[in-house]
Protein backbone atom coordinates (compact mmCIF):
# COMPACT_ATOMS: atom_id res chain seq x y z
CA UNK A 1 2.78 76.79 -14.00
CA UNK A 2 6.04 75.33 -12.83
CA UNK A 3 6.15 72.82 -10.00
CA UNK A 4 8.70 73.35 -7.26
CA UNK A 5 9.79 70.43 -5.12
CA UNK A 6 8.74 71.33 -1.60
CA UNK A 7 10.34 69.04 0.98
CA UNK A 8 7.91 70.45 3.56
CA UNK A 9 5.05 68.63 1.82
CA UNK A 10 3.41 66.29 4.24
CA UNK A 11 3.35 62.60 3.49
CA UNK A 12 -0.21 62.73 4.85
CA UNK A 13 -1.17 62.99 1.17
CA UNK A 14 0.07 59.41 0.64
CA UNK A 15 -1.74 56.43 2.12
CA UNK A 16 -1.09 52.72 2.25
CA UNK A 17 -4.14 50.60 2.86
CA UNK A 18 -4.03 46.82 2.25
CA UNK A 19 -7.67 47.03 1.13
CA UNK A 20 -7.00 49.60 -1.60
CA UNK A 21 -4.87 48.77 -4.67
CA UNK A 22 -3.31 45.80 -2.86
CA UNK A 23 -1.59 48.05 -0.36
CA UNK A 24 0.61 50.01 -2.75
CA UNK A 25 1.13 53.70 -1.85
CA UNK A 26 -1.58 55.89 -3.39
CA UNK A 27 -2.54 59.54 -3.28
CA UNK A 28 -5.10 59.99 -0.51
CA UNK A 29 -8.68 60.01 -1.70
CA UNK A 30 -7.80 58.46 -5.06
CA UNK A 31 -6.78 55.15 -6.54
CA UNK A 32 -3.80 56.81 -8.25
CA UNK A 33 -0.58 55.14 -7.20
CA UNK A 34 2.66 56.93 -6.41
CA UNK A 35 4.26 54.61 -8.95
CA UNK A 36 1.89 55.84 -11.67
CA UNK A 37 2.87 59.46 -11.01
CA UNK A 38 6.58 58.64 -10.93
CA UNK A 39 6.28 56.67 -14.18
CA UNK A 40 4.65 59.65 -15.89
CA UNK A 41 7.47 61.89 -14.67
CA UNK A 42 10.12 59.39 -15.79
CA UNK A 43 8.50 59.28 -19.24
CA UNK A 44 8.99 63.03 -19.52
CA UNK A 45 5.55 64.30 -18.59
CA UNK A 46 5.48 67.51 -16.60
CA UNK A 47 3.46 68.15 -13.47
CA UNK A 48 1.11 70.23 -15.62
CA UNK A 49 0.65 67.27 -17.99
CA UNK A 50 -0.25 65.02 -15.08
CA UNK A 51 -2.59 67.57 -13.53
CA UNK A 52 -4.42 67.97 -16.84
CA UNK A 53 -4.96 64.18 -16.97
CA UNK A 54 -5.96 64.00 -13.29
CA UNK A 55 -7.72 67.30 -12.52
CA UNK A 56 -8.48 66.22 -8.94
CA UNK A 57 -4.78 66.23 -8.08
CA UNK A 58 -2.75 69.17 -6.83
CA UNK A 59 0.92 70.08 -7.14
CA UNK A 60 1.41 69.07 -3.52
CA UNK A 61 0.25 65.52 -4.39
CA UNK A 62 3.01 65.23 -6.98
CA UNK A 63 5.51 66.73 -4.55
CA UNK A 64 4.46 64.15 -1.96
CA UNK A 65 5.21 61.38 -4.50
CA UNK A 66 8.70 62.80 -4.95
CA UNK A 67 9.13 63.02 -1.20
CA UNK A 68 8.14 59.39 -0.69
CA UNK A 69 10.55 58.27 -3.42
CA UNK A 70 13.38 60.31 -1.88
CA UNK A 71 12.72 58.91 1.59
CA UNK A 72 12.55 55.34 0.28
CA UNK A 73 15.80 55.77 -1.67
CA UNK A 74 17.45 57.23 1.43
CA UNK A 75 16.44 54.33 3.65
CA UNK A 76 18.62 51.45 4.65
CA UNK A 77 17.36 48.01 3.81
CA UNK A 78 18.42 44.71 5.26
CA UNK A 79 18.37 41.95 2.67
CA UNK A 80 18.13 38.43 3.94
CA UNK A 81 19.45 35.68 1.70
CA UNK A 82 16.92 33.12 0.55
CA UNK A 83 17.84 29.52 1.27
CA UNK A 84 17.76 27.48 -1.92
CA UNK A 85 17.61 23.84 -1.85
């Protein structure tokens, strides 16, 4: 199967809870971080590879990880200088 990036995927599949995995974004109902999924993809794994390693996941979970990354990269950030001294 081939995964298609669906921008309609709801970010409801991603949760951030300070009591789970130190508050990093994870796939809802798991302890699998968005970062873990993105690292697999960066390393060249396909969605099918990831789904075979994590059979509880669905294509929409991987799509939601992409969506979160895209939204984060599209955001504006204000960086405050740190006073040294």
